[in-house]
Amino acid sequence: MVALGANLGRPRHAFETALALLEREAGPILARSRWITTPALVHPSDPVREQPPYLNGVVILATALEPEALLSVLHRIEQALGRDRSHELLPWQPRLLDLDLVAMEDKVRLPPACPILPHPRMHERDFVLGPLCELWPDWRHPILGRTAAELLTNLPQS
């Protein structure tokens, strides 16, 4: 599962281009959620500032790649579409494109492994869980033992 996010440039165009590249380099997209608009998160240590809302979504793909290789593909696609990670001092800054490897079926990889699977904050993010529930509500978090639908339902209301 890969989560997509962007709030700069032309997010829909970036998503479509990224998916075409992802299929070419990693494997076929089996399912994709609708693209949803969500408010931007602001990092607690960042001065309060306005950001454009994000476009978010999730795709499920079939791949023979190992997690490290898939993460490398995601980073290459981000870079090809204009993302420069070298200037990102704080998380949650505005982005042209963010591709996160959130899970690979029931694989568990804990630190110091990279990437960590499932993504260590996916269960806290409605902008990942909502689109995931559209595709696979019964997917079970391999550490928490709860389905995507249960995780979404139990998120704190803001």
C-alpha atoms as a PDB file:
ATOM      1  CA  MET A   1       0.000   0.000   0.000  1.00  0.00           C
ATOM      2  CA  VAL A   2       1.228   3.419  -0.925  1.00  0.00           C
ATOM      3  CA  ALA A   3      -0.252   6.672   0.364  1.00  0.00           C
ATOM      4  CA  LEU A   4      -0.055   9.747  -1.843  1.00  0.00           C
ATOM      5  CA  GLY A   5      -0.166  13.349  -0.702  1.00  0.00           C
ATOM      6  CA  ALA A   6       0.504  16.757  -2.230  1.00  0.00           C
ATOM      7  CA  ASN A   7      -0.465  20.360  -1.580  1.00  0.00           C
ATOM      8  CA  LEU A   8       1.711  22.305  -4.037  1.00  0.00           C
ATOM      9  CA  GLY A   9       1.690  22.534  -7.796  1.00  0.00           C
ATOM     10  CA  ARG A  10      -0.864  20.343  -9.567  1.00  0.00           C
ATOM     11  CA  PRO A  11      -1.505  17.440  -7.179  1.00  0.00           C
ATOM     12  CA  ARG A  12      -3.907  15.497  -9.428  1.00  0.00           C
ATOM     13  CA  HIS A  13      -1.458  15.643 -12.302  1.00  0.00           C
ATOM     14  CA  ALA A  14       1.399  14.627  -9.981  1.00  0.00           C
ATOM     15  CA  PHE A  15      -0.632  11.653  -8.724  1.00  0.00           C
ATOM     16  CA  GLU A  16      -1.506  10.432 -12.222  1.00  0.00           C
ATOM     17  CA  THR A  17       2.105  10.777 -13.375  1.00  0.00           C
ATOM     18  CA  ALA A  18       3.391   9.069 -10.222  1.00  0.00           C
ATOM     19  CA  LEU A  19       1.005   6.135 -10.683  1.00  0.00           C
ATOM     20  CA  ALA A  20       2.111   5.630 -14.287  1.00  0.00           C
ATOM     21  CA  LEU A  21       5.751   5.614 -13.161  1.00  0.00           C
ATOM     22  CA  LEU A  22       4.963   3.342 -10.221  1.00  0.00           C
ATOM     23  CA  GLU A  23       3.304   0.786 -12.492  1.00  0.00           C
ATOM     24  CA  ARG A  24       6.248   0.885 -14.864  1.00  0.00           C
ATOM     25  CA  GLU A  25       8.881   0.517 -12.138  1.00  0.00           C
ATOM     26  CA  ALA A  26       7.191  -1.568  -9.417  1.00  0.00           C
ATOM     27  CA  GLY A  27       4.122  -3.411 -10.690  1.00  0.00           C
ATOM     28  CA  PRO A  28       0.446  -3.036 -11.509  1.00  0.00           C
ATOM     29  CA  ILE A  29      -1.924  -0.876  -9.481  1.00  0.00           C
ATOM     30  CA  LEU A  30      -4.658  -3.220  -8.265  1.00  0.00           C
ATOM     31  CA  ALA A  31      -6.905  -0.585  -6.690  1.00  0.00           C
ATOM     32  CA  ARG A  32      -6.905   3.107  -6.005  1.00  0.00           C
ATOM     33  CA  SER A  33      -9.025   5.240  -3.736  1.00  0.00           C
ATOM     34  CA  ARG A  34     -10.723   8.471  -4.617  1.00  0.00           C
ATOM     35  CA  TRP A  35      -8.532  11.515  -4.106  1.00  0.00           C
ATOM     36  CA  ILE A  36      -9.674  13.416  -1.026  1.00  0.00           C
ATOM     37  CA  THR A  37      -8.868  16.912   0.214  1.00  0.00           C
ATOM     38  CA  THR A  38      -7.706  17.258   3.810  1.00  0.00           C
ATOM     39  CA  PRO A  39      -6.332  20.119   5.920  1.00  0.00           C
ATOM     40  CA  ALA A  40      -2.558  20.355   6.147  1.00  0.00           C
ATOM     41  CA  LEU A  41      -0.873  19.207   9.352  1.00  0.00           C
ATOM     42  CA  VAL A  42       1.440  21.709  11.002  1.00  0.00           C
ATOM     43  CA  HIS A  43       4.378  20.333  12.974  1.00  0.00           C
ATOM     44  CA  PRO A  44       4.276  21.303  16.683  1.00  0.00           C
ATOM     45  CA  SER A  45       7.743  22.869  16.524  1.00  0.00           C
ATOM     46  CA  ASP A  46       6.919  24.873  13.403  1.00  0.00           C
ATOM     47  CA  PRO A  47       5.571  28.413  13.769  1.00  0.00           C
ATOM     48  CA  VAL A  48       1.863  28.434  13.037  1.00  0.00           C
ATOM     49  CA  ARG A  49       1.424  29.156   9.381  1.00  0.00           C
ATOM     50  CA  GLU A  50      -1.145  28.614   6.714  1.00  0.00           C
ATOM     51  CA  GLN A  51      -0.682  25.847   4.169  1.00  0.00           C
ATOM     52  CA  PRO A  52      -2.856  24.848   1.257  1.00  0.00           C
ATOM     53  CA  PRO A  53      -4.965  21.744   1.886  1.00  0.00           C
ATOM     54  CA  TYR A  54      -3.602  18.381   0.780  1.00  0.00           C
ATOM     55  CA  LEU A  55      -4.889  16.016  -1.823  1.00  0.00           C
ATOM     56  CA  ASN A  56      -4.535  12.466  -0.469  1.00  0.00           C
ATOM     57  CA  GLY A  57      -5.208   8.922  -1.572  1.00  0.00           C
ATOM     58  CA  VAL A  58      -4.068   5.330  -1.313  1.00  0.00           C
ATOM     59  CA  VAL A  59      -3.184   2.727  -3.922  1.00  0.00           C
ATOM     60  CA  ILE A  60      -2.680  -0.989  -3.628  1.00  0.00           C
ATOM     61  CA  LEU A  61      -0.159  -2.466  -5.994  1.00  0.00           C
ATOM     62  CA  ALA A  62       1.231  -5.881  -6.776  1.00  0.00           C
ATOM     63  CA  THR A  63       5.001  -5.937  -6.639  1.00  0.00           C
ATOM     64  CA  ALA A  64       7.820  -8.443  -6.425  1.00  0.00           C
ATOM     65  CA  LEU A  65      10.091  -5.768  -4.952  1.00  0.00           C
ATOM     66  CA  GLU A  66      11.417  -5.968  -1.422  1.00  0.00           C
ATOM     67  CA  PRO A  67      10.542  -3.023   0.875  1.00  0.00           C
ATOM     68  CA  GLU A  68      13.917  -1.264   0.444  1.00  0.00           C
ATOM     69  CA  ALA A  69      13.690  -1.459  -3.342  1.00  0.00           C
ATOM     70  CA  LEU A  70      10.078  -0.232  -3.374  1.00  0.00           C
ATOM     71  CA  LEU A  71      10.959   2.695  -1.092  1.00  0.00           C
ATOM     72  CA  SER A  72      13.805   3.560  -3.450  1.00  0.00           C
ATOM     73  CA  VAL A  73      11.376   3.576  -6.392  1.00  0.00           C
ATOM     74  CA  LEU A  74       9.005   5.869  -4.462  1.00  0.00           C
ATOM     75  CA  HIS A  75      11.826   8.303  -3.684  1.00  0.00           C
ATOM     76  CA  ARG A  76      12.992   8.308  -7.328  1.00  0.00           C
ATOM     77  CA  ILE A  77       9.456   9.092  -8.496  1.00  0.00           C
ATOM     78  CA  GLU A  78       9.151  11.929  -5.964  1.00  0.00           C
ATOM     79  CA  GLN A  79      12.453  13.352  -7.172  1.00  0.00           C
ATOM     80  CA  ALA A  80      11.492  13.004 -10.843  1.00  0.00           C
ATOM     81  CA  LEU A  81       8.359  15.033 -10.104  1.00  0.00           C
ATOM     82  CA  GLY A  82      10.229  17.834  -8.322  1.00  0.00           C
ATOM     83  CA  ARG A  83      10.521  16.875  -4.668  1.00  0.00           C
ATOM     84  CA  ASP A  84      13.821  17.851  -3.079  1.00  0.00           C
ATOM     85  CA  ARG A  85      14.212  16.089   0.268  1.00  0.00           C
ATOM     86  CA  SER A  86      17.500  17.886   1.011  1.00  0.00           C
ATOM     87  CA  HIS A  87      15.634  21.095   1.933  1.00  0.00           C
ATOM     88  CA  GLU A  88      13.082  19.485   4.234  1.00  0.00           C
ATOM     89  CA  LEU A  89      14.145  20.436   7.737  1.00  0.00           C
ATOM     90  CA  LEU A  90      10.788  19.782   9.382  1.00  0.00           C
ATOM     91  CA  PRO A  91       8.182  17.127   8.689  1.00  0.00           C
ATOM     92  CA  TRP A  92       4.827  18.137   7.298  1.00  0.00           C
ATOM     93  CA  GLN A  93       6.144  20.921   5.090  1.00  0.00           C
ATOM     94  CA  PRO A  94       4.240  21.693   1.884  1.00  0.00           C
ATOM     95  CA  ARG A  95       5.005  19.159  -0.826  1.00  0.00           C
ATOM     96  CA  LEU A  96       4.776  18.712  -4.565  1.00  0.00           C
ATOM     97  CA  LEU A  97       4.450  14.977  -3.941  1.00  0.00           C
ATOM     98  CA  ASP A  98       4.737  12.614  -0.998  1.00  0.00           C
ATOM     99  CA  LEU A  99       4.707   8.854  -1.569  1.00  0.00           C
ATOM    100  CA  ASP A 100       4.669   6.812   1.638  1.00  0.00           C
ATOM    101  CA  LEU A 101       5.039   3.062   1.808  1.00  0.00           C
ATOM    102  CA  VAL A 102       2.436   2.384   4.487  1.00  0.00           C
ATOM    103  CA  ALA A 103       2.197  -1.412   4.449  1.00  0.00           C
ATOM    104  CA  MET A 104       3.092  -4.528   2.525  1.00  0.00           C
ATOM    105  CA  GLU A 105       0.333  -7.013   3.410  1.00  0.00           C
ATOM    106  CA  ASP A 106       1.182  -8.355   6.878  1.00  0.00           C
ATOM    107  CA  LYS A 107       4.937  -7.646   6.876  1.00  0.00           C
ATOM    108  CA  VAL A 108       6.370  -6.268  10.100  1.00  0.00           C
ATOM    109  CA  ARG A 109       9.725  -4.469  10.093  1.00  0.00           C
ATOM    110  CA  LEU A 110      10.755  -2.640  13.243  1.00  0.00           C
ATOM    111  CA  PRO A 111      13.566  -0.121  13.748  1.00  0.00           C
ATOM    112  CA  PRO A 112      16.375  -0.039  12.862  1.00  0.00           C
ATOM    113  CA  ALA A 113      14.955  -1.504   9.630  1.00  0.00           C
ATOM    114  CA  CYS A 114      14.208   0.982   6.884  1.00  0.00           C
ATOM    115  CA  PRO A 115      11.488   1.209   5.866  1.00  0.00           C
ATOM    116  CA  ILE A 116       9.545   0.451   9.021  1.00  0.00           C
ATOM    117  CA  LEU A 117       6.422  -1.572   8.240  1.00  0.00           C
ATOM    118  CA  PRO A 118       3.673  -0.880   8.706  1.00  0.00           C
ATOM    119  CA  HIS A 119       4.292   2.857   8.617  1.00  0.00           C
ATOM    120  CA  PRO A 120       4.672   3.885  12.274  1.00  0.00           C
ATOM    121  CA  ARG A 121       1.962   6.579  12.151  1.00  0.00           C
ATOM    122  CA  MET A 122      -0.491   5.211   9.602  1.00  0.00           C
ATOM    123  CA  HIS A 123      -2.947   4.178  12.328  1.00  0.00           C
ATOM    124  CA  GLU A 124      -3.130   7.828  13.488  1.00  0.00           C
ATOM    125  CA  ARG A 125      -3.903   9.367  10.102  1.00  0.00           C
ATOM    126  CA  ASP A 126      -7.421   9.709   8.812  1.00  0.00           C
ATOM    127  CA  PHE A 127      -6.049  10.821   5.429  1.00  0.00           C
ATOM    128  CA  VAL A 128      -4.493   7.342   5.077  1.00  0.00           C
ATOM    129  CA  LEU A 129      -7.124   5.242   6.853  1.00  0.00           C
ATOM    130  CA  GLY A 130     -10.117   6.835   5.091  1.00  0.00           C
ATOM    131  CA  PRO A 131      -8.870   6.061   1.576  1.00  0.00           C
ATOM    132  CA  LEU A 132      -7.580   2.658   2.725  1.00  0.00           C
ATOM    133  CA  CYS A 133     -11.030   1.775   4.094  1.00  0.00           C
ATOM    134  CA  GLU A 134     -12.510   2.595   0.706  1.00  0.00           C
ATOM    135  CA  LEU A 135     -10.280  -0.115  -0.809  1.00  0.00           C
ATOM    136  CA  TRP A 136      -9.696  -2.668   1.945  1.00  0.00           C
ATOM    137  CA  PRO A 137     -11.602  -2.007   5.188  1.00  0.00           C
ATOM    138  CA  ASP A 138     -10.798  -5.510   6.482  1.00  0.00           C
ATOM    139  CA  TRP A 139      -7.013  -5.110   6.142  1.00  0.00           C
ATOM    140  CA  ARG A 140      -5.626  -5.946   9.571  1.00  0.00           C
ATOM    141  CA  HIS A 141      -2.745  -3.975  11.079  1.00  0.00           C
ATOM    142  CA  PRO A 142      -0.183  -6.715  11.773  1.00  0.00           C
ATOM    143  CA  ILE A 143       0.994  -5.201  15.063  1.00  0.00           C
ATOM    144  CA  LEU A 144      -2.192  -3.669  16.476  1.00  0.00           C
ATOM    145  CA  GLY A 145      -4.427  -6.510  15.298  1.00  0.00           C
ATOM    146  CA  ARG A 146      -7.243  -4.125  14.299  1.00  0.00           C
ATOM    147  CA  THR A 147      -8.792  -3.648  10.895  1.00  0.00           C
ATOM    148  CA  ALA A 148      -8.423  -0.441   8.924  1.00  0.00           C
ATOM    149  CA  ALA A 149     -12.121   0.235   9.582  1.00  0.00           C
ATOM    150  CA  GLU A 150     -11.669  -0.227  13.349  1.00  0.00           C
ATOM    151  CA  LEU A 151      -8.619   2.029  13.370  1.00  0.00           C
ATOM    152  CA  LEU A 152     -10.490   4.755  11.481  1.00  0.00           C
ATOM    153  CA  THR A 153     -13.553   4.496  13.725  1.00  0.00           C
ATOM    154  CA  ASN A 154     -11.415   4.798  16.848  1.00  0.00           C
ATOM    155  CA  LEU A 155      -9.461   7.898  15.789  1.00  0.00           C
ATOM    156  CA  PRO A 156     -10.012  10.869  18.085  1.00  0.00           C
ATOM    157  CA  GLN A 157     -12.480  13.360  16.648  1.00  0.00           C
ATOM    158  CA  SER A 158     -10.964  16.780  16.038  1.00  0.00           C
END
